Amino acid sequence: MATSFGQLLKEARKKKEKTLKEVSQVAGLSLSYISDMEQGRKKAPAIDIVRKIEAYLEITDGSLVKAANAEVNTRNEVRTIFRKRPELNTALLRVAEDCTEDEVTELINEMLRRKGKLNE
């Protein structure tokens, strides 16, 4: 089951058999931006654009808007944490610099386990 905005968008688009080009035209965004959102490389667009996409893909439960808002809230939380603790940003960059993706995932999961916040 999709959880991120991009995953939800891709699932909904494919379910309705729409192309990236069709969605990009409705949204007023480039095809590459739509593709990048679906792949998790770009953030969700403004909510008014998300609503246009929802209408076009006949999404009536507001799931795309909810996912877009969740991503915005997460980004804001991260900014707040790093503003309060700038040393955390530096430390994470130094540690992650030479890590593989698997090592970064393992490090994150270990931190979540220690804080009792890992959903296993």
C-alpha atoms as a PDB file:
ATOM      1  CA  MET A   1       0.000   0.000   0.000  1.00  0.00           C
ATOM      2  CA  ALA A   2       1.330   3.412  -0.945  1.00  0.00           C
ATOM      3  CA  THR A   3       2.178   5.839   1.813  1.00  0.00           C
ATOM      4  CA  SER A   4       4.003   8.767   0.259  1.00  0.00           C
ATOM      5  CA  PHE A   5       2.485  11.433  -1.955  1.00  0.00           C
ATOM      6  CA  GLY A   6       4.474  10.212  -4.964  1.00  0.00           C
ATOM      7  CA  GLN A   7       3.492   6.582  -4.461  1.00  0.00           C
ATOM      8  CA  LEU A   8      -0.185   7.505  -4.087  1.00  0.00           C
ATOM      9  CA  LEU A   9      -0.030   9.671  -7.198  1.00  0.00           C
ATOM     10  CA  LYS A  10       1.553   6.932  -9.272  1.00  0.00           C
ATOM     11  CA  GLU A  11      -0.941   4.295  -8.109  1.00  0.00           C
ATOM     12  CA  ALA A  12      -3.915   6.571  -8.798  1.00  0.00           C
ATOM     13  CA  ARG A  13      -2.583   7.602 -12.212  1.00  0.00           C
ATOM     14  CA  LYS A  14      -2.002   4.012 -13.273  1.00  0.00           C
ATOM     15  CA  LYS A  15      -5.379   2.904 -11.909  1.00  0.00           C
ATOM     16  CA  LYS A  16      -7.069   5.512 -14.121  1.00  0.00           C
ATOM     17  CA  GLU A  17      -4.740   4.599 -17.024  1.00  0.00           C
ATOM     18  CA  LYS A  18      -3.489   8.165 -17.384  1.00  0.00           C
ATOM     19  CA  THR A  19      -0.059   9.065 -18.700  1.00  0.00           C
ATOM     20  CA  LEU A  20       2.520  11.277 -17.052  1.00  0.00           C
ATOM     21  CA  LYS A  21       1.958  13.741 -19.881  1.00  0.00           C
ATOM     22  CA  GLU A  22      -1.791  13.914 -19.255  1.00  0.00           C
ATOM     23  CA  VAL A  23      -1.330  14.535 -15.536  1.00  0.00           C
ATOM     24  CA  SER A  24       1.388  17.107 -16.202  1.00  0.00           C
ATOM     25  CA  GLN A  25      -0.907  19.034 -18.545  1.00  0.00           C
ATOM     26  CA  VAL A  26      -3.756  19.088 -16.014  1.00  0.00           C
ATOM     27  CA  ALA A  27      -1.401  20.116 -13.206  1.00  0.00           C
ATOM     28  CA  GLY A  28       0.470  22.689 -15.263  1.00  0.00           C
ATOM     29  CA  LEU A  29       3.763  21.052 -14.318  1.00  0.00           C
ATOM     30  CA  SER A  30       6.444  19.473 -16.457  1.00  0.00           C
ATOM     31  CA  LEU A  31       6.310  15.780 -17.223  1.00  0.00           C
ATOM     32  CA  SER A  32       9.691  15.353 -15.552  1.00  0.00           C
ATOM     33  CA  TYR A  33       8.413  17.024 -12.355  1.00  0.00           C
ATOM     34  CA  ILE A  34       5.465  14.596 -12.195  1.00  0.00           C
ATOM     35  CA  SER A  35       7.840  11.683 -12.753  1.00  0.00           C
ATOM     36  CA  ASP A  36      10.224  12.983 -10.093  1.00  0.00           C
ATOM     37  CA  MET A  37       7.355  13.303  -7.587  1.00  0.00           C
ATOM     38  CA  GLU A  38       6.289   9.734  -8.269  1.00  0.00           C
ATOM     39  CA  GLN A  39       9.860   8.583  -7.706  1.00  0.00           C
ATOM     40  CA  GLY A  40      10.205  10.582  -4.471  1.00  0.00           C
ATOM     41  CA  ARG A  41      12.786  12.977  -5.905  1.00  0.00           C
ATOM     42  CA  LYS A  42      10.548  16.071  -5.774  1.00  0.00           C
ATOM     43  CA  LYS A  43       8.141  17.342  -3.170  1.00  0.00           C
ATOM     44  CA  ALA A  44       4.412  17.645  -3.664  1.00  0.00           C
ATOM     45  CA  PRO A  45       3.247  20.833  -5.415  1.00  0.00           C
ATOM     46  CA  ALA A  46       0.975  23.487  -3.925  1.00  0.00           C
ATOM     47  CA  ILE A  47      -2.309  22.173  -2.539  1.00  0.00           C
ATOM     48  CA  ASP A  48      -4.407  23.846  -5.256  1.00  0.00           C
ATOM     49  CA  ILE A  49      -2.462  21.847  -7.849  1.00  0.00           C
ATOM     50  CA  VAL A  50      -2.846  18.659  -5.819  1.00  0.00           C
ATOM     51  CA  ARG A  51      -6.607  19.260  -5.775  1.00  0.00           C
ATOM     52  CA  LYS A  52      -6.633  19.605  -9.591  1.00  0.00           C
ATOM     53  CA  ILE A  53      -4.810  16.290  -9.869  1.00  0.00           C
ATOM     54  CA  GLU A  54      -7.234  14.659  -7.425  1.00  0.00           C
ATOM     55  CA  ALA A  55     -10.209  15.876  -9.458  1.00  0.00           C
ATOM     56  CA  TYR A  56      -8.670  14.690 -12.727  1.00  0.00           C
ATOM     57  CA  LEU A  57      -7.896  11.244 -11.294  1.00  0.00           C
ATOM     58  CA  GLU A  58     -11.319  11.124  -9.598  1.00  0.00           C
ATOM     59  CA  ILE A  59      -9.856  10.764  -6.112  1.00  0.00           C
ATOM     60  CA  THR A  60     -12.693  11.616  -3.752  1.00  0.00           C
ATOM     61  CA  ASP A  61     -11.234  10.721  -0.348  1.00  0.00           C
ATOM     62  CA  GLY A  62      -8.667  13.540  -0.254  1.00  0.00           C
ATOM     63  CA  SER A  63      -5.785  11.094   0.093  1.00  0.00           C
ATOM     64  CA  LEU A  64      -3.428  13.068  -2.171  1.00  0.00           C
ATOM     65  CA  VAL A  65      -4.038  16.306  -0.259  1.00  0.00           C
ATOM     66  CA  LYS A  66      -3.513  14.478   3.044  1.00  0.00           C
ATOM     67  CA  ALA A  67      -0.244  12.959   1.808  1.00  0.00           C
ATOM     68  CA  ALA A  68       0.973  16.322   0.474  1.00  0.00           C
ATOM     69  CA  ASN A  69       0.154  18.013   3.787  1.00  0.00           C
ATOM     70  CA  ALA A  70       1.931  15.243   5.708  1.00  0.00           C
ATOM     71  CA  GLU A  71       5.087  15.811   3.640  1.00  0.00           C
ATOM     72  CA  VAL A  72       4.954  19.567   4.305  1.00  0.00           C
ATOM     73  CA  ASN A  73       4.474  18.962   8.034  1.00  0.00           C
ATOM     74  CA  THR A  74       7.406  16.547   8.114  1.00  0.00           C
ATOM     75  CA  ARG A  75       9.676  19.026   6.321  1.00  0.00           C
ATOM     76  CA  ASN A  76       8.672  21.753   8.787  1.00  0.00           C
ATOM     77  CA  GLU A  77       9.385  19.459  11.754  1.00  0.00           C
ATOM     78  CA  VAL A  78      12.821  18.632  10.359  1.00  0.00           C
ATOM     79  CA  ARG A  79      13.638  22.318   9.840  1.00  0.00           C
ATOM     80  CA  THR A  80      12.601  23.098  13.408  1.00  0.00           C
ATOM     81  CA  ILE A  81      14.734  20.299  14.842  1.00  0.00           C
ATOM     82  CA  PHE A  82      17.806  21.340  12.856  1.00  0.00           C
ATOM     83  CA  ARG A  83      17.356  25.004  13.796  1.00  0.00           C
ATOM     84  CA  LYS A  84      17.232  24.062  17.471  1.00  0.00           C
ATOM     85  CA  ARG A  85      20.158  21.631  17.205  1.00  0.00           C
ATOM     86  CA  PRO A  86      22.503  22.642  14.370  1.00  0.00           C
ATOM     87  CA  GLU A  87      25.169  20.230  15.643  1.00  0.00           C
ATOM     88  CA  LEU A  88      22.820  17.372  14.751  1.00  0.00           C
ATOM     89  CA  ASN A  89      22.861  18.382  11.101  1.00  0.00           C
ATOM     90  CA  THR A  90      26.652  18.476  11.015  1.00  0.00           C
ATOM     91  CA  ALA A  91      26.995  15.150  12.820  1.00  0.00           C
ATOM     92  CA  LEU A  92      24.524  13.387  10.548  1.00  0.00           C
ATOM     93  CA  LEU A  93      26.212  14.700   7.417  1.00  0.00           C
ATOM     94  CA  ARG A  94      29.631  13.560   8.643  1.00  0.00           C
ATOM     95  CA  VAL A  95      28.382  10.094   9.567  1.00  0.00           C
ATOM     96  CA  ALA A  96      26.291   9.549   6.437  1.00  0.00           C
ATOM     97  CA  GLU A  97      28.962  10.855   4.078  1.00  0.00           C
ATOM     98  CA  ASP A  98      30.724   7.505   3.730  1.00  0.00           C
ATOM     99  CA  CYS A  99      27.760   5.201   4.367  1.00  0.00           C
ATOM    100  CA  THR A 100      25.933   3.022   1.902  1.00  0.00           C
ATOM    101  CA  GLU A 101      22.141   3.281   1.685  1.00  0.00           C
ATOM    102  CA  ASP A 102      21.869   0.073   3.720  1.00  0.00           C
ATOM    103  CA  GLU A 103      24.142   1.474   6.430  1.00  0.00           C
ATOM    104  CA  VAL A 104      22.105   4.683   6.647  1.00  0.00           C
ATOM    105  CA  THR A 105      18.897   2.637   6.929  1.00  0.00           C
ATOM    106  CA  GLU A 106      20.473   0.469   9.624  1.00  0.00           C
ATOM    107  CA  LEU A 107      21.624   3.561  11.541  1.00  0.00           C
ATOM    108  CA  ILE A 108      18.167   5.136  11.383  1.00  0.00           C
ATOM    109  CA  ASN A 109      16.476   1.921  12.476  1.00  0.00           C
ATOM    110  CA  GLU A 110      18.881   1.539  15.403  1.00  0.00           C
ATOM    111  CA  MET A 111      18.135   5.085  16.571  1.00  0.00           C
ATOM    112  CA  LEU A 112      14.386   4.455  16.287  1.00  0.00           C
ATOM    113  CA  ARG A 113      14.715   1.151  18.194  1.00  0.00           C
ATOM    114  CA  ARG A 114      16.608   2.867  21.013  1.00  0.00           C
ATOM    115  CA  LYS A 115      13.869   5.481  21.330  1.00  0.00           C
ATOM    116  CA  GLY A 116      11.098   2.872  21.074  1.00  0.00           C
ATOM    117  CA  LYS A 117       9.749   4.445  17.904  1.00  0.00           C
ATOM    118  CA  LEU A 118      10.395   1.696  15.371  1.00  0.00           C
ATOM    119  CA  ASN A 119       7.220   0.074  14.038  1.00  0.00           C
ATOM    120  CA  GLU A 120       8.312  -3.506  13.482  1.00  0.00           C
END
